């Protein structure tokens, strides 16, 4: 697994990935961007829930032009959850109610 540097990914790139998810719907989004549904965590944005790893991976693709595979980034607290948190997003364990 290559070490991914997140410096180029902005809050706006993540919002763009969320908009892409909303536009395509889950099945087409996963098919076109190469990710799978979330299993542990959810990104909460505007009262909707999104798969954090898939959204962050797609944001990275928008920011850098390079596509990541699902195995290229971690999804847990030290991976996508931490990066999204630093960018100002709320990520929580699935099943928790949004605050």
Protein backbone atom coordinates (compact mmCIF):
# COMPACT_ATOMS: atom_id res chain seq x y z
CA UNK A 1 0.00 0.00 0.00
CA UNK A 2 1.44 3.35 -1.01
CA UNK A 3 1.42 6.17 1.49
CA UNK A 4 -1.23 8.68 0.48
CA UNK A 5 -0.60 12.36 1.19
CA UNK A 6 -3.82 14.28 1.78
CA UNK A 7 -2.39 17.82 1.56
CA UNK A 8 -4.06 18.56 -1.78
CA UNK A 9 -7.54 17.48 -0.68
CA UNK A 10 -9.73 20.38 0.45
CA UNK A 11 -13.10 20.71 2.12
CA UNK A 12 -14.46 21.70 -1.30
CA UNK A 13 -13.16 18.48 -2.90
CA UNK A 14 -15.04 16.45 -0.28
CA UNK A 15 -18.24 18.43 -0.87
CA UNK A 16 -17.83 17.83 -4.62
CA UNK A 17 -17.50 14.07 -3.96
CA UNK A 18 -20.67 14.19 -1.81
CA UNK A 19 -22.49 15.96 -4.65
CA UNK A 20 -21.26 13.29 -7.08
CA UNK A 21 -22.60 10.58 -4.74
CA UNK A 22 -25.98 12.33 -4.58
CA UNK A 23 -26.08 12.77 -8.37
CA UNK A 24 -25.12 9.18 -9.27
CA UNK A 25 -26.71 7.32 -6.36
CA UNK A 26 -24.82 4.70 -4.36
CA UNK A 27 -24.62 1.89 -6.92
CA UNK A 28 -23.32 3.98 -9.80
CA UNK A 29 -21.01 5.93 -7.50
CA UNK A 30 -19.37 2.76 -6.18
CA UNK A 31 -19.17 1.29 -9.67
CA UNK A 32 -17.62 4.40 -11.23
CA UNK A 33 -15.22 5.25 -8.41
CA UNK A 34 -14.24 1.77 -7.27
CA UNK A 35 -15.38 1.71 -3.65
CA UNK A 36 -17.84 -0.23 -1.53
CA UNK A 37 -20.45 0.80 1.06
CA UNK A 38 -19.27 1.76 4.52
CA UNK A 39 -19.22 -0.90 7.20
CA UNK A 40 -18.23 0.94 10.39
CA UNK A 41 -18.38 4.72 10.02
CA UNK A 42 -20.62 7.27 8.33
CA UNK A 43 -19.88 10.77 7.14
CA UNK A 44 -22.78 13.00 8.17
CA UNK A 45 -23.44 16.00 5.94
CA UNK A 46 -26.63 18.02 5.65
CA UNK A 47 -28.63 15.35 7.52
CA UNK A 48 -27.53 12.63 5.06
CA UNK A 49 -25.08 9.79 5.62
CA UNK A 50 -22.25 8.84 3.30
CA UNK A 51 -19.48 6.23 3.14
CA UNK A 52 -16.40 8.13 4.40
CA UNK A 53 -13.72 6.08 2.66
CA UNK A 54 -15.48 6.24 -0.72
CA UNK A 55 -16.14 9.98 -0.41
CA UNK A 56 -12.57 10.75 0.65
CA UNK A 57 -11.08 8.54 -2.07
CA UNK A 58 -13.20 10.30 -4.68
CA UNK A 59 -12.26 13.72 -3.26
CA UNK A 60 -8.60 12.68 -3.63
CA UNK A 61 -9.25 11.75 -7.26
CA UNK A 62 -10.87 15.17 -7.88
CA UNK A 63 -8.00 17.00 -6.15
CA UNK A 64 -5.07 15.15 -7.72
CA UNK A 65 -6.34 13.41 -10.84
CA UNK A 66 -5.11 10.10 -9.38
CA UNK A 67 -7.56 7.34 -8.58
CA UNK A 68 -7.13 5.37 -5.37
CA UNK A 69 -8.22 1.80 -4.93
CA UNK A 70 -10.11 0.81 -1.82
CA UNK A 71 -6.94 -0.83 -0.48
CA UNK A 72 -4.91 2.38 -0.88
CA UNK A 73 -6.50 4.11 2.09
CA UNK A 74 -7.59 3.14 5.55
CA UNK A 75 -11.12 3.88 6.59
CA UNK A 76 -10.86 3.77 10.37
CA UNK A 77 -10.05 6.34 13.03
CA UNK A 78 -6.47 6.77 11.83
CA UNK A 79 -7.44 6.85 8.14
CA UNK A 80 -10.40 8.46 6.39
CA UNK A 81 -12.12 9.35 9.66
CA UNK A 82 -9.11 11.38 10.84
CA UNK A 83 -8.58 13.12 7.49
CA UNK A 84 -12.26 14.06 7.16
CA UNK A 85 -12.29 15.31 10.76
CA UNK A 86 -9.33 17.60 10.05
CA UNK A 87 -11.24 18.98 7.05
CA UNK A 88 -14.17 19.87 9.32
CA UNK A 89 -16.54 16.98 8.65
CA UNK A 90 -18.47 14.89 11.16
CA UNK A 91 -17.82 11.15 11.00
CA UNK A 92 -19.42 8.79 13.48
CA UNK A 93 -19.91 5.10 14.01
CA UNK A 94 -22.86 3.67 12.11
CA UNK A 95 -26.05 3.51 14.12
CA UNK A 96 -25.33 6.63 16.16
CA UNK A 97 -27.80 9.45 15.84
CA UNK A 98 -26.49 12.68 14.39
CA UNK A 99 -25.89 15.40 16.92
